[in-house]
Amino acid sequence: MESNLLTGKAVQNEDFSEYVAHLQLHMTLQARNLVPTLKHTVEDSRQELLHQTQANFEKLISRQGSQI
């Protein structure tokens, strides 16, 4: 019985650690969105695509985390 409790606790801790990692990723990406750029040029389109891709990835990860 005690080993089942320990196993359950380990799984719960792992789930919590995964949640914290996803939350940290979300906060990092949000912080990047809050920092204004100093200049906008044609080359910034690649940077904008990168930010959009990161945002889409973060949304996908956060949605997967809520299904657990």
N, C-alpha and C. Protein backbone atom coordinates (compact mmCIF):
# COMPACT_ATOMS: atom_id res chain seq x y z
N MET A 1 0.83 -1.19 0.00
CA MET A 1 0.00 0.00 0.00
C MET A 1 0.87 1.26 0.00
N GLU A 2 1.92 1.23 0.83
CA GLU A 2 2.80 2.40 0.91
C GLU A 2 3.52 2.65 -0.40
N SER A 3 3.92 1.56 -1.10
CA SER A 3 4.60 1.73 -2.38
C SER A 3 3.67 2.35 -3.42
N ASN A 4 2.37 2.02 -3.36
CA ASN A 4 1.41 2.64 -4.27
C ASN A 4 1.30 4.12 -4.00
N LEU A 5 1.31 4.50 -2.72
CA LEU A 5 1.24 5.92 -2.38
C LEU A 5 2.48 6.67 -2.86
N LEU A 6 3.64 6.04 -2.70
CA LEU A 6 4.88 6.67 -3.15
C LEU A 6 4.89 6.80 -4.67
N THR A 7 4.43 5.78 -5.37
CA THR A 7 4.37 5.83 -6.83
C THR A 7 3.41 6.92 -7.28
N GLY A 8 2.26 6.99 -6.65
CA GLY A 8 1.28 8.04 -6.97
C GLY A 8 1.83 9.42 -6.71
N LYS A 9 2.56 9.55 -5.61
CA LYS A 9 3.16 10.85 -5.27
C LYS A 9 4.23 11.23 -6.29
N ALA A 10 5.02 10.25 -6.73
CA ALA A 10 6.06 10.52 -7.74
C ALA A 10 5.42 10.98 -9.04
N VAL A 11 4.34 10.33 -9.44
CA VAL A 11 3.65 10.71 -10.67
C VAL A 11 3.08 12.12 -10.52
N GLN A 12 2.50 12.41 -9.36
CA GLN A 12 1.93 13.73 -9.11
C GLN A 12 3.02 14.80 -9.15
N ASN A 13 4.18 14.51 -8.56
CA ASN A 13 5.29 15.46 -8.59
C ASN A 13 5.80 15.67 -10.01
N GLU A 14 5.83 14.59 -10.79
CA GLU A 14 6.27 14.70 -12.19
C GLU A 14 5.29 15.56 -12.98
N ASP A 15 3.99 15.35 -12.77
CA ASP A 15 2.98 16.16 -13.46
C ASP A 15 3.12 17.63 -13.06
N PHE A 16 3.36 17.88 -11.79
CA PHE A 16 3.51 19.25 -11.32
C PHE A 16 4.76 19.88 -11.93
N SER A 17 5.85 19.12 -11.99
CA SER A 17 7.08 19.64 -12.60
C SER A 17 6.87 19.98 -14.07
N GLU A 18 6.12 19.13 -14.76
CA GLU A 18 5.82 19.40 -16.17
C GLU A 18 4.96 20.66 -16.30
N TYR A 19 4.00 20.81 -15.41
CA TYR A 19 3.15 22.01 -15.42
C TYR A 19 4.00 23.26 -15.20
N VAL A 20 4.92 23.20 -14.25
CA VAL A 20 5.78 24.36 -13.97
C VAL A 20 6.65 24.68 -15.17
N ALA A 21 7.17 23.66 -15.84
CA ALA A 21 7.99 23.89 -17.04
C ALA A 21 7.17 24.57 -18.13
N HIS A 22 5.94 24.13 -18.32
CA HIS A 22 5.07 24.75 -19.33
C HIS A 22 4.74 26.19 -18.94
N LEU A 23 4.52 26.42 -17.66
CA LEU A 23 4.22 27.77 -17.19
C LEU A 23 5.42 28.69 -17.41
N GLN A 24 6.61 28.19 -17.15
CA GLN A 24 7.82 28.99 -17.38
C GLN A 24 7.98 29.33 -18.85
N LEU A 25 7.71 28.37 -19.72
CA LEU A 25 7.78 28.63 -21.16
C LEU A 25 6.77 29.70 -21.55
N HIS A 26 5.55 29.57 -21.04
CA HIS A 26 4.51 30.54 -21.33
C HIS A 26 4.92 31.95 -20.88
N MET A 27 5.45 32.05 -19.66
CA MET A 27 5.86 33.35 -19.13
C MET A 27 7.00 33.95 -19.94
N THR A 28 7.94 33.12 -20.38
CA THR A 28 9.06 33.60 -21.19
C THR A 28 8.57 34.15 -22.51
N LEU A 29 7.68 33.42 -23.17
CA LEU A 29 7.16 33.89 -24.45
C LEU A 29 6.32 35.14 -24.29
N GLN A 30 5.56 35.23 -23.22
CA GLN A 30 4.78 36.44 -22.96
C GLN A 30 5.70 37.63 -22.71
N ALA A 31 6.78 37.42 -21.98
CA ALA A 31 7.73 38.50 -21.71
C ALA A 31 8.34 39.01 -23.01
N ARG A 32 8.63 38.11 -23.93
CA ARG A 32 9.19 38.53 -25.22
C ARG A 32 8.20 39.39 -25.99
N ASN A 33 6.92 39.06 -25.86
CA ASN A 33 5.90 39.85 -26.56
C ASN A 33 5.72 41.22 -25.94
N LEU A 34 6.09 41.40 -24.68
CA LEU A 34 5.92 42.67 -24.00
C LEU A 34 7.06 43.65 -24.28
N VAL A 35 8.19 43.13 -24.73
CA VAL A 35 9.35 43.98 -25.00
C VAL A 35 9.24 44.56 -26.40
N PRO A 36 9.15 45.89 -26.52
CA PRO A 36 9.03 46.49 -27.85
C PRO A 36 10.35 46.43 -28.61
N THR A 37 10.25 46.33 -29.92
CA THR A 37 11.46 46.35 -30.74
C THR A 37 11.89 47.80 -30.95
N LEU A 38 13.17 48.00 -31.20
CA LEU A 38 13.70 49.35 -31.37
C LEU A 38 13.45 49.88 -32.78
N LYS A 39 13.41 48.99 -33.76
CA LYS A 39 13.18 49.44 -35.14
C LYS A 39 12.45 48.34 -35.90
N HIS A 40 11.71 48.75 -36.91
CA HIS A 40 11.01 47.80 -37.77
C HIS A 40 11.55 47.95 -39.19
N THR A 41 12.06 46.86 -39.71
CA THR A 41 12.57 46.84 -41.08
C THR A 41 11.99 45.64 -41.81
N VAL A 42 12.30 45.53 -43.07
CA VAL A 42 11.83 44.40 -43.86
C VAL A 42 12.39 43.10 -43.30
N GLU A 43 13.60 43.14 -42.78
CA GLU A 43 14.22 41.94 -42.21
C GLU A 43 13.49 41.45 -40.96
N ASP A 44 12.71 42.33 -40.34
CA ASP A 44 11.98 41.95 -39.13
C ASP A 44 10.89 40.92 -39.42
N SER A 45 10.55 40.69 -40.70
CA SER A 45 9.52 39.71 -41.01
C SER A 45 9.95 38.31 -40.56
N ARG A 46 11.24 38.02 -40.65
CA ARG A 46 11.72 36.73 -40.16
C ARG A 46 11.59 36.65 -38.64
N GLN A 47 11.89 37.74 -37.97
CA GLN A 47 11.76 37.80 -36.52
C GLN A 47 10.29 37.65 -36.12
N GLU A 48 9.41 38.31 -36.86
CA GLU A 48 7.97 38.21 -36.58
C GLU A 48 7.49 36.78 -36.79
N LEU A 49 7.97 36.12 -37.82
CA LEU A 49 7.60 34.72 -38.07
C LEU A 49 8.08 33.83 -36.92
N LEU A 50 9.28 34.09 -36.43
CA LEU A 50 9.81 33.34 -35.30
C LEU A 50 8.93 33.53 -34.06
N HIS A 51 8.58 34.77 -33.77
CA HIS A 51 7.72 35.05 -32.61
C HIS A 51 6.36 34.38 -32.75
N GLN A 52 5.80 34.42 -33.94
CA GLN A 52 4.49 33.80 -34.17
C GLN A 52 4.58 32.28 -34.02
N THR A 53 5.66 31.70 -34.53
CA THR A 53 5.86 30.26 -34.40
C THR A 53 6.00 29.87 -32.94
N GLN A 54 6.76 30.65 -32.18
CA GLN A 54 6.92 30.38 -30.75
C GLN A 54 5.59 30.50 -30.02
N ALA A 55 4.80 31.50 -30.36
CA ALA A 55 3.50 31.69 -29.73
C ALA A 55 2.57 30.52 -30.05
N ASN A 56 2.58 30.08 -31.30
CA ASN A 56 1.76 28.93 -31.68
C ASN A 56 2.20 27.67 -30.95
N PHE A 57 3.50 27.49 -30.81
CA PHE A 57 4.03 26.33 -30.08
C PHE A 57 3.59 26.39 -28.62
N GLU A 58 3.68 27.56 -28.01
CA GLU A 58 3.27 27.71 -26.61
C GLU A 58 1.79 27.42 -26.44
N LYS A 59 0.97 27.87 -27.37
CA LYS A 59 -0.47 27.58 -27.29
C LYS A 59 -0.72 26.08 -27.38
N LEU A 60 -0.03 25.41 -28.29
CA LEU A 60 -0.20 23.98 -28.46
C LEU A 60 0.19 23.24 -27.18
N ILE A 61 1.33 23.61 -26.59
CA ILE A 61 1.80 22.97 -25.37
C ILE A 61 0.84 23.22 -24.22
N SER A 62 0.35 24.44 -24.09
CA SER A 62 -0.56 24.74 -22.97
C SER A 62 -1.87 23.99 -23.13
N ARG A 63 -2.33 23.80 -24.34
CA ARG A 63 -3.58 23.05 -24.56
C ARG A 63 -3.37 21.58 -24.26
N GLN A 64 -2.20 21.04 -24.59
CA GLN A 64 -1.92 19.64 -24.27
C GLN A 64 -1.84 19.44 -22.77
N GLY A 65 -1.29 20.41 -22.07
CA GLY A 65 -1.18 20.32 -20.61
C GLY A 65 -2.53 20.34 -19.93
N SER A 66 -3.50 21.04 -20.50
CA SER A 66 -4.83 21.12 -19.87
C SER A 66 -5.63 19.84 -20.11
N GLN A 67 -5.20 19.01 -21.04
CA GLN A 67 -5.93 17.76 -21.32
C GLN A 67 -5.49 16.64 -20.41
N ILE A 68 -4.42 16.86 -19.66
CA ILE A 68 -3.89 15.79 -18.78
C ILE A 68 -4.84 15.58 -17.62
